[in-house]
Amino acid sequence: SETRYCQPLMFIAGLAAREVLRETKPDIVERPQATAGLSLGEYTAIAAAGVLSFEDGLRLVQIRGEAMQSATELVPQAMCSVAGLDRAKVDKLCEQAKEADPSPNAECKVANFLFPSGFTCAGTKTAVEKLCEMAMKAKALQARVIKAGGAFHTKLMQPAQDELSKALDDLLEKMQPPTCSIYFNVTGKRVPPGADPASFIELMKMQLVSEVLWEPSVKAMIMDGVKDFFEVGPLKQIKAMIKRIDADAFKRTENVSI
């Protein structure tokens, strides 16, 4: 359940599933139009695009997981899923929950924009628990604390970001231009094939303390002509999210597991 262990395992599982896909659709694996991944999955996507070697990617993910684990232990933190409320309402409730938390480092914000009216929020434990309570009173379809273990993609991850940034800087000279487009969490927008890694390393650094724009990323891929989606890894959450984003894209989404 600790993120320090989960992250390397998820990275390996994603790339292993990619090798399973290679057995039946080698052209897709060798020449994808684009890659993208949610949170930790972005590192799998970056490795799949040829920016990082497997070894460098795994080491980076290990550093990320250890740093995030350490950051979660500094103050009590939590994450919760909220569905069925619009963005403006969720932002307002987050602000109210933050104000209701007396701790000096109080935080509560949207961490992941997953699909229309579907969010993960994160922050200090008291604020997040208050948010869940208020969201249910506001008639959310769902509002529950999840077992994520920390306030990922918020300012509470700043210590982890500092450590990860140094590791990224150390690896920059070994990074290669992507062989396909990559859609980054921080912007929800495309970085083209052949881009200099120095032009997007800041997006990788900012991810830990920034909202993950997953729904905008999927919409951008569809707008850019991506037709078929392959979810590589042990879970099936991405396909479920795509179903809520675009019904046609959902029909063309395939799960590939190991």
C-alpha atoms as a PDB file:
ATOM      1  CA  SER A   1       0.000   0.000   0.000  1.00  0.00           C
ATOM      2  CA  GLU A   2       3.017   2.339   0.288  1.00  0.00           C
ATOM      3  CA  THR A   3       3.671   4.509  -2.738  1.00  0.00           C
ATOM      4  CA  ARG A   4       7.417   3.839  -2.544  1.00  0.00           C
ATOM      5  CA  TYR A   5       6.688   0.220  -3.526  1.00  0.00           C
ATOM      6  CA  CYS A   6       3.615   0.727  -5.714  1.00  0.00           C
ATOM      7  CA  GLN A   7       5.242   3.131  -8.149  1.00  0.00           C
ATOM      8  CA  PRO A   8       8.107   0.924  -9.405  1.00  0.00           C
ATOM      9  CA  LEU A   9       5.721  -2.036  -9.647  1.00  0.00           C
ATOM     10  CA  MET A  10       3.197  -0.039 -11.688  1.00  0.00           C
ATOM     11  CA  PHE A  11       5.942   1.250 -13.990  1.00  0.00           C
ATOM     12  CA  ILE A  12       7.204  -2.281 -14.627  1.00  0.00           C
ATOM     13  CA  ALA A  13       3.679  -3.657 -15.084  1.00  0.00           C
ATOM     14  CA  GLY A  14       2.822  -0.988 -17.652  1.00  0.00           C
ATOM     15  CA  LEU A  15       5.884  -1.675 -19.773  1.00  0.00           C
ATOM     16  CA  ALA A  16       5.392  -5.433 -19.407  1.00  0.00           C
ATOM     17  CA  ALA A  17       1.832  -5.073 -20.723  1.00  0.00           C
ATOM     18  CA  ARG A  18       3.255  -3.069 -23.623  1.00  0.00           C
ATOM     19  CA  GLU A  19       5.359  -6.115 -24.495  1.00  0.00           C
ATOM     20  CA  VAL A  20       2.206  -8.252 -24.405  1.00  0.00           C
ATOM     21  CA  LEU A  21       0.620  -5.822 -26.874  1.00  0.00           C
ATOM     22  CA  ARG A  22       3.707  -6.101 -29.077  1.00  0.00           C
ATOM     23  CA  GLU A  23       2.941  -9.795 -29.636  1.00  0.00           C
ATOM     24  CA  THR A  24      -0.338  -9.036 -31.428  1.00  0.00           C
ATOM     25  CA  LYS A  25       0.097  -5.439 -32.598  1.00  0.00           C
ATOM     26  CA  PRO A  26       3.814  -4.805 -33.137  1.00  0.00           C
ATOM     27  CA  ASP A  27       3.205  -1.808 -35.395  1.00  0.00           C
ATOM     28  CA  ILE A  28       1.217  -0.043 -32.655  1.00  0.00           C
ATOM     29  CA  VAL A  29       4.039  -0.531 -30.163  1.00  0.00           C
ATOM     30  CA  GLU A  30       6.816   0.421 -32.566  1.00  0.00           C
ATOM     31  CA  ARG A  31       5.070   3.410 -34.152  1.00  0.00           C
ATOM     32  CA  PRO A  32       2.373   4.798 -31.837  1.00  0.00           C
ATOM     33  CA  GLN A  33       0.782   8.113 -32.696  1.00  0.00           C
ATOM     34  CA  ALA A  34       0.963   9.258 -29.084  1.00  0.00           C
ATOM     35  CA  THR A  35       1.424   8.211 -25.478  1.00  0.00           C
ATOM     36  CA  ALA A  36       0.000   9.551 -22.228  1.00  0.00           C
ATOM     37  CA  GLY A  37      -0.288   8.360 -18.662  1.00  0.00           C
ATOM     38  CA  LEU A  38      -2.066   9.432 -15.504  1.00  0.00           C
ATOM     39  CA  SER A  39       0.257  10.552 -12.699  1.00  0.00           C
ATOM     40  CA  LEU A  40       2.838   7.752 -12.319  1.00  0.00           C
ATOM     41  CA  GLY A  41       1.632   6.436 -15.684  1.00  0.00           C
ATOM     42  CA  GLU A  42       3.168   9.469 -17.340  1.00  0.00           C
ATOM     43  CA  TYR A  43       6.600   7.971 -16.653  1.00  0.00           C
ATOM     44  CA  THR A  44       5.563   4.758 -18.376  1.00  0.00           C
ATOM     45  CA  ALA A  45       4.352   6.849 -21.318  1.00  0.00           C
ATOM     46  CA  ILE A  46       7.615   8.799 -21.447  1.00  0.00           C
ATOM     47  CA  ALA A  47       9.646   5.585 -21.417  1.00  0.00           C
ATOM     48  CA  ALA A  48       7.405   4.082 -24.111  1.00  0.00           C
ATOM     49  CA  ALA A  49       8.094   7.163 -26.246  1.00  0.00           C
ATOM     50  CA  GLY A  50      11.827   6.457 -26.023  1.00  0.00           C
ATOM     51  CA  VAL A  51      12.752   9.435 -23.843  1.00  0.00           C
ATOM     52  CA  LEU A  52      14.020   7.263 -20.988  1.00  0.00           C
ATOM     53  CA  SER A  53      15.606   3.835 -20.992  1.00  0.00           C
ATOM     54  CA  PHE A  54      13.912   1.209 -18.856  1.00  0.00           C
ATOM     55  CA  GLU A  55      16.741   1.375 -16.315  1.00  0.00           C
ATOM     56  CA  ASP A  56      16.736   5.175 -16.064  1.00  0.00           C
ATOM     57  CA  GLY A  57      12.953   5.281 -15.936  1.00  0.00           C
ATOM     58  CA  LEU A  58      12.823   2.710 -13.152  1.00  0.00           C
ATOM     59  CA  ARG A  59      15.457   4.550 -11.134  1.00  0.00           C
ATOM     60  CA  LEU A  60      13.587   7.827 -11.572  1.00  0.00           C
ATOM     61  CA  VAL A  61      10.327   6.224 -10.477  1.00  0.00           C
ATOM     62  CA  GLN A  62      12.052   4.736  -7.425  1.00  0.00           C
ATOM     63  CA  ILE A  63      13.346   8.186  -6.458  1.00  0.00           C
ATOM     64  CA  ARG A  64       9.881   9.655  -7.054  1.00  0.00           C
ATOM     65  CA  GLY A  65       8.200   7.006  -4.914  1.00  0.00           C
ATOM     66  CA  GLU A  66      10.662   7.343  -2.035  1.00  0.00           C
ATOM     67  CA  ALA A  67      10.452  11.145  -2.103  1.00  0.00           C
ATOM     68  CA  MET A  68       6.654  11.131  -2.190  1.00  0.00           C
ATOM     69  CA  GLN A  69       6.516   8.609   0.662  1.00  0.00           C
ATOM     70  CA  SER A  70       8.725  10.870   2.769  1.00  0.00           C
ATOM     71  CA  ALA A  71       6.571  13.899   1.946  1.00  0.00           C
ATOM     72  CA  THR A  72       3.406  12.086   3.036  1.00  0.00           C
ATOM     73  CA  GLU A  73       4.924  11.540   6.479  1.00  0.00           C
ATOM     74  CA  LEU A  74       5.544  15.235   7.204  1.00  0.00           C
ATOM     75  CA  VAL A  75       1.911  16.140   7.965  1.00  0.00           C
ATOM     76  CA  PRO A  76      -1.322  14.079   8.039  1.00  0.00           C
ATOM     77  CA  GLN A  77      -2.624  13.927   4.457  1.00  0.00           C
ATOM     78  CA  ALA A  78      -5.438  12.344   2.465  1.00  0.00           C
ATOM     79  CA  MET A  79      -7.074  12.089  -0.955  1.00  0.00           C
ATOM     80  CA  CYS A  80     -10.725  11.667  -1.826  1.00  0.00           C
ATOM     81  CA  SER A  81     -12.740  11.003  -4.959  1.00  0.00           C
ATOM     82  CA  VAL A  82     -15.632  13.342  -5.718  1.00  0.00           C
ATOM     83  CA  ALA A  83     -18.121  12.689  -8.517  1.00  0.00           C
ATOM     84  CA  GLY A  84     -21.352  14.313  -9.591  1.00  0.00           C
ATOM     85  CA  LEU A  85     -20.579  17.968  -8.848  1.00  0.00           C
ATOM     86  CA  ASP A  86     -19.408  20.589 -11.337  1.00  0.00           C
ATOM     87  CA  ARG A  87     -15.919  22.054 -11.185  1.00  0.00           C
ATOM     88  CA  ALA A  88     -16.935  25.412  -9.752  1.00  0.00           C
ATOM     89  CA  LYS A  89     -18.773  23.718  -6.893  1.00  0.00           C
ATOM     90  CA  VAL A  90     -15.865  21.390  -6.108  1.00  0.00           C
ATOM     91  CA  ASP A  91     -13.397  24.291  -6.098  1.00  0.00           C
ATOM     92  CA  LYS A  92     -15.647  26.228  -3.727  1.00  0.00           C
ATOM     93  CA  LEU A  93     -16.023  23.262  -1.375  1.00  0.00           C
ATOM     94  CA  CYS A  94     -12.260  22.704  -1.399  1.00  0.00           C
ATOM     95  CA  GLU A  95     -11.701  26.308  -0.372  1.00  0.00           C
ATOM     96  CA  GLN A  96     -14.268  26.047   2.417  1.00  0.00           C
ATOM     97  CA  ALA A  97     -12.756  22.785   3.653  1.00  0.00           C
ATOM     98  CA  LYS A  98      -9.303  24.347   3.656  1.00  0.00           C
ATOM     99  CA  GLU A  99     -10.578  27.302   5.689  1.00  0.00           C
ATOM    100  CA  ALA A 100     -12.167  24.904   8.187  1.00  0.00           C
ATOM    101  CA  ASP A 101      -8.828  23.184   8.830  1.00  0.00           C
ATOM    102  CA  PRO A 102      -6.935  24.960  11.656  1.00  0.00           C
ATOM    103  CA  SER A 103      -3.553  23.440  10.789  1.00  0.00           C
ATOM    104  CA  PRO A 104      -0.875  25.908   9.585  1.00  0.00           C
ATOM    105  CA  ASN A 105      -0.257  23.952   6.376  1.00  0.00           C
ATOM    106  CA  ALA A 106      -3.947  23.501   5.539  1.00  0.00           C
ATOM    107  CA  GLU A 107      -4.526  22.459   1.936  1.00  0.00           C
ATOM    108  CA  CYS A 108      -7.422  21.125  -0.120  1.00  0.00           C
ATOM    109  CA  LYS A 109      -7.625  21.255  -3.908  1.00  0.00           C
ATOM    110  CA  VAL A 110      -8.436  19.287  -7.025  1.00  0.00           C
ATOM    111  CA  ALA A 111      -5.498  16.969  -7.677  1.00  0.00           C
ATOM    112  CA  ASN A 112      -6.836  15.061 -10.692  1.00  0.00           C
ATOM    113  CA  PHE A 113      -9.425  16.181 -13.254  1.00  0.00           C
ATOM    114  CA  LEU A 114     -10.402  12.709 -14.436  1.00  0.00           C
ATOM    115  CA  PHE A 115     -13.639  13.024 -16.416  1.00  0.00           C
ATOM    116  CA  PRO A 116     -16.635  15.389 -16.552  1.00  0.00           C
ATOM    117  CA  SER A 117     -17.738  15.966 -12.932  1.00  0.00           C
ATOM    118  CA  GLY A 118     -15.161  13.441 -11.745  1.00  0.00           C
ATOM    119  CA  PHE A 119     -12.245  14.553  -9.589  1.00  0.00           C
ATOM    120  CA  THR A 120      -9.690  13.425  -7.070  1.00  0.00           C
ATOM    121  CA  CYS A 121      -9.049  16.028  -4.381  1.00  0.00           C
ATOM    122  CA  ALA A 122      -6.146  16.085  -1.960  1.00  0.00           C
ATOM    123  CA  GLY A 123      -4.733  18.000   0.960  1.00  0.00           C
ATOM    124  CA  THR A 124      -4.347  17.902   4.707  1.00  0.00           C
ATOM    125  CA  LYS A 125      -6.335  15.089   6.335  1.00  0.00           C
ATOM    126  CA  THR A 126      -8.750  17.275   8.300  1.00  0.00           C
ATOM    127  CA  ALA A 127      -9.582  19.399   5.251  1.00  0.00           C
ATOM    128  CA  VAL A 128     -10.112  16.419   2.956  1.00  0.00           C
ATOM    129  CA  GLU A 129     -12.385  14.683   5.442  1.00  0.00           C
ATOM    130  CA  LYS A 130     -14.375  17.907   5.746  1.00  0.00           C
ATOM    131  CA  LEU A 131     -14.591  18.123   1.958  1.00  0.00           C
ATOM    132  CA  CYS A 132     -16.090  14.627   1.747  1.00  0.00           C
ATOM    133  CA  GLU A 133     -18.676  15.556   4.342  1.00  0.00           C
ATOM    134  CA  MET A 134     -19.634  18.792   2.578  1.00  0.00           C
ATOM    135  CA  ALA A 135     -19.675  17.179  -0.876  1.00  0.00           C
ATOM    136  CA  MET A 136     -22.211  14.585   0.228  1.00  0.00           C
ATOM    137  CA  LYS A 137     -24.368  17.307   1.729  1.00  0.00           C
ATOM    138  CA  ALA A 138     -24.138  19.070  -1.644  1.00  0.00           C
ATOM    139  CA  LYS A 139     -25.580  15.892  -3.216  1.00  0.00           C
ATOM    140  CA  ALA A 140     -22.441  14.530  -4.837  1.00  0.00           C
ATOM    141  CA  LEU A 141     -22.901  11.095  -6.361  1.00  0.00           C
ATOM    142  CA  GLN A 142     -19.771  10.008  -4.533  1.00  0.00           C
ATOM    143  CA  ALA A 143     -17.366  11.497  -2.021  1.00  0.00           C
ATOM    144  CA  ARG A 144     -15.048   9.136  -0.197  1.00  0.00           C
ATOM    145  CA  VAL A 145     -11.518   9.072   1.126  1.00  0.00           C
ATOM    146  CA  ILE A 146      -9.311   6.752  -0.922  1.00  0.00           C
ATOM    147  CA  LYS A 147      -6.243   4.746   0.061  1.00  0.00           C
ATOM    148  CA  ALA A 148      -3.762   6.869  -1.869  1.00  0.00           C
ATOM    149  CA  GLY A 149      -1.678   7.651   1.181  1.00  0.00           C
ATOM    150  CA  GLY A 150      -0.816  11.265   0.470  1.00  0.00           C
ATOM    151  CA  ALA A 151      -1.762  14.650  -0.942  1.00  0.00           C
ATOM    152  CA  PHE A 152      -0.276  13.990  -4.349  1.00  0.00           C
ATOM    153  CA  HIS A 153      -0.316  16.822  -6.903  1.00  0.00           C
ATOM    154  CA  THR A 154      -0.584  19.525  -4.235  1.00  0.00           C
ATOM    155  CA  LYS A 155       1.866  21.894  -2.550  1.00  0.00           C
ATOM    156  CA  LEU A 156       2.376  19.275   0.177  1.00  0.00           C
ATOM    157  CA  MET A 157       4.529  17.396  -2.341  1.00  0.00           C
ATOM    158  CA  GLN A 158       6.995  20.302  -2.623  1.00  0.00           C
ATOM    159  CA  PRO A 159       9.764  18.453  -0.721  1.00  0.00           C
ATOM    160  CA  ALA A 160       9.379  15.517  -3.111  1.00  0.00           C
ATOM    161  CA  GLN A 161       9.397  17.829  -6.111  1.00  0.00           C
ATOM    162  CA  ASP A 162      12.721  19.304  -5.014  1.00  0.00           C
ATOM    163  CA  GLU A 163      14.318  15.859  -4.854  1.00  0.00           C
ATOM    164  CA  LEU A 164      12.768  14.690  -8.116  1.00  0.00           C
ATOM    165  CA  SER A 165      13.839  17.865  -9.914  1.00  0.00           C
ATOM    166  CA  LYS A 166      17.465  17.198  -9.025  1.00  0.00           C
ATOM    167  CA  ALA A 167      17.199  13.632 -10.300  1.00  0.00           C
ATOM    168  CA  LEU A 168      15.648  14.852 -13.551  1.00  0.00           C
ATOM    169  CA  ASP A 169      18.394  17.426 -14.047  1.00  0.00           C
ATOM    170  CA  ASP A 170      21.001  14.712 -13.528  1.00  0.00           C
ATOM    171  CA  LEU A 171      19.321  12.574 -16.212  1.00  0.00           C
ATOM    172  CA  LEU A 172      18.691  15.290 -18.782  1.00  0.00           C
ATOM    173  CA  GLU A 173      21.800  14.574 -20.848  1.00  0.00           C
ATOM    174  CA  LYS A 174      20.730  10.935 -21.225  1.00  0.00           C
ATOM    175  CA  MET A 175      17.162  11.724 -22.275  1.00  0.00           C
ATOM    176  CA  GLN A 176      16.242  11.318 -25.940  1.00  0.00           C
ATOM    177  CA  PRO A 177      13.675  13.204 -28.056  1.00  0.00           C
ATOM    178  CA  PRO A 178      10.323  11.367 -28.050  1.00  0.00           C
ATOM    179  CA  THR A 179       9.569   9.131 -31.023  1.00  0.00           C
ATOM    180  CA  CYS A 180       5.877  10.062 -30.842  1.00  0.00           C
ATOM    181  CA  SER A 181       3.692  12.753 -29.323  1.00  0.00           C
ATOM    182  CA  ILE A 182       3.373  12.835 -25.522  1.00  0.00           C
ATOM    183  CA  TYR A 183       0.409  14.473 -23.793  1.00  0.00           C
ATOM    184  CA  PHE A 184       1.551  15.847 -20.448  1.00  0.00           C
ATOM    185  CA  ASN A 185      -0.494  15.921 -17.246  1.00  0.00           C
ATOM    186  CA  VAL A 186       0.382  19.489 -16.315  1.00  0.00           C
ATOM    187  CA  THR A 187      -0.928  21.086 -19.523  1.00  0.00           C
ATOM    188  CA  GLY A 188      -3.175  18.451 -21.075  1.00  0.00           C
ATOM    189  CA  LYS A 189      -1.425  19.313 -24.315  1.00  0.00           C
ATOM    190  CA  ARG A 190       0.830  17.655 -26.851  1.00  0.00           C
ATOM    191  CA  VAL A 191       4.606  17.717 -27.014  1.00  0.00           C
ATOM    192  CA  PRO A 192       5.544  16.665 -30.570  1.00  0.00           C
ATOM    193  CA  PRO A 193       7.913  13.885 -31.597  1.00  0.00           C
ATOM    194  CA  GLY A 194      11.491  15.039 -31.868  1.00  0.00           C
ATOM    195  CA  ALA A 195      11.139  17.689 -29.149  1.00  0.00           C
ATOM    196  CA  ASP A 196      14.233  18.500 -27.114  1.00  0.00           C
ATOM    197  CA  PRO A 197      13.781  16.984 -23.615  1.00  0.00           C
ATOM    198  CA  ALA A 198      15.000  20.303 -22.187  1.00  0.00           C
ATOM    199  CA  SER A 199      11.782  21.823 -23.555  1.00  0.00           C
ATOM    200  CA  PHE A 200       9.521  19.598 -21.457  1.00  0.00           C
ATOM    201  CA  ILE A 201      11.583  18.648 -18.400  1.00  0.00           C
ATOM    202  CA  GLU A 202       9.858  21.429 -16.441  1.00  0.00           C
ATOM    203  CA  LEU A 203       6.502  19.741 -17.100  1.00  0.00           C
ATOM    204  CA  MET A 204       7.902  16.599 -15.500  1.00  0.00           C
ATOM    205  CA  LYS A 205       9.172  18.577 -12.521  1.00  0.00           C
ATOM    206  CA  MET A 206       5.872  20.401 -11.999  1.00  0.00           C
ATOM    207  CA  GLN A 207       3.697  17.305 -12.128  1.00  0.00           C
ATOM    208  CA  LEU A 208       4.061  16.420  -8.443  1.00  0.00           C
ATOM    209  CA  VAL A 209       2.618  19.744  -7.261  1.00  0.00           C
ATOM    210  CA  SER A 210       0.203  20.385 -10.142  1.00  0.00           C
ATOM    211  CA  GLU A 211      -3.272  19.178 -11.034  1.00  0.00           C
ATOM    212  CA  VAL A 212      -3.377  16.243 -13.439  1.00  0.00           C
ATOM    213  CA  LEU A 213      -5.452  17.303 -16.447  1.00  0.00           C
ATOM    214  CA  TRP A 214      -6.476  13.859 -17.613  1.00  0.00           C
ATOM    215  CA  GLU A 215      -9.844  14.688 -19.165  1.00  0.00           C
ATOM    216  CA  PRO A 216      -8.337  17.560 -21.208  1.00  0.00           C
ATOM    217  CA  SER A 217      -5.499  15.240 -22.284  1.00  0.00           C
ATOM    218  CA  VAL A 218      -7.899  12.610 -23.627  1.00  0.00           C
ATOM    219  CA  LYS A 219      -9.983  15.258 -25.392  1.00  0.00           C
ATOM    220  CA  ALA A 220      -6.846  16.752 -26.939  1.00  0.00           C
ATOM    221  CA  MET A 221      -5.766  13.347 -28.243  1.00  0.00           C
ATOM    222  CA  ILE A 222      -9.171  12.806 -29.821  1.00  0.00           C
ATOM    223  CA  MET A 223      -9.110  16.279 -31.372  1.00  0.00           C
ATOM    224  CA  ASP A 224      -5.648  15.531 -32.774  1.00  0.00           C
ATOM    225  CA  GLY A 225      -6.931  12.428 -34.524  1.00  0.00           C
ATOM    226  CA  VAL A 226      -6.068   9.607 -32.128  1.00  0.00           C
ATOM    227  CA  LYS A 227      -8.586   6.854 -32.875  1.00  0.00           C
ATOM    228  CA  ASP A 228      -7.591   3.747 -30.947  1.00  0.00           C
ATOM    229  CA  PHE A 229      -6.551   3.654 -27.292  1.00  0.00           C
ATOM    230  CA  PHE A 230      -4.641   0.882 -25.526  1.00  0.00           C
ATOM    231  CA  GLU A 231      -4.512   0.842 -21.736  1.00  0.00           C
ATOM    232  CA  VAL A 232      -1.390  -1.040 -20.672  1.00  0.00           C
ATOM    233  CA  GLY A 233      -1.114  -2.175 -17.075  1.00  0.00           C
ATOM    234  CA  PRO A 234      -2.801  -4.203 -14.364  1.00  0.00           C
ATOM    235  CA  LEU A 235      -5.871  -1.979 -13.893  1.00  0.00           C
ATOM    236  CA  LYS A 236      -8.809  -0.920 -16.072  1.00  0.00           C
ATOM    237  CA  GLN A 237      -9.447   2.536 -14.676  1.00  0.00           C
ATOM    238  CA  ILE A 238      -8.371   4.481 -17.771  1.00  0.00           C
ATOM    239  CA  LYS A 239     -10.924   2.736 -19.983  1.00  0.00           C
ATOM    240  CA  ALA A 240     -13.645   3.439 -17.415  1.00  0.00           C
ATOM    241  CA  MET A 241     -12.695   7.129 -17.439  1.00  0.00           C
ATOM    242  CA  ILE A 242     -12.644   7.289 -21.234  1.00  0.00           C
ATOM    243  CA  LYS A 243     -16.201   5.923 -21.232  1.00  0.00           C
ATOM    244  CA  ARG A 244     -17.260   9.059 -19.360  1.00  0.00           C
ATOM    245  CA  ILE A 245     -15.248  11.363 -21.623  1.00  0.00           C
ATOM    246  CA  ASP A 246     -16.117  10.105 -25.121  1.00  0.00           C
ATOM    247  CA  ALA A 247     -18.424   7.177 -25.937  1.00  0.00           C
ATOM    248  CA  ASP A 248     -16.883   6.543 -29.363  1.00  0.00           C
ATOM    249  CA  ALA A 249     -13.339   6.518 -27.985  1.00  0.00           C
ATOM    250  CA  PHE A 250     -14.466   4.084 -25.292  1.00  0.00           C
ATOM    251  CA  LYS A 251     -15.580   1.622 -27.973  1.00  0.00           C
ATOM    252  CA  ARG A 252     -12.076   1.754 -29.433  1.00  0.00           C
ATOM    253  CA  THR A 253     -10.240   1.353 -26.116  1.00  0.00           C
ATOM    254  CA  GLU A 254      -8.578  -1.971 -25.359  1.00  0.00           C
ATOM    255  CA  ASN A 255      -7.208  -3.155 -22.029  1.00  0.00           C
ATOM    256  CA  VAL A 256      -3.852  -4.917 -22.180  1.00  0.00           C
ATOM    257  CA  SER A 257      -2.760  -6.575 -18.948  1.00  0.00           C
ATOM    258  CA  ILE A 258      -0.158  -9.100 -17.851  1.00  0.00           C
END
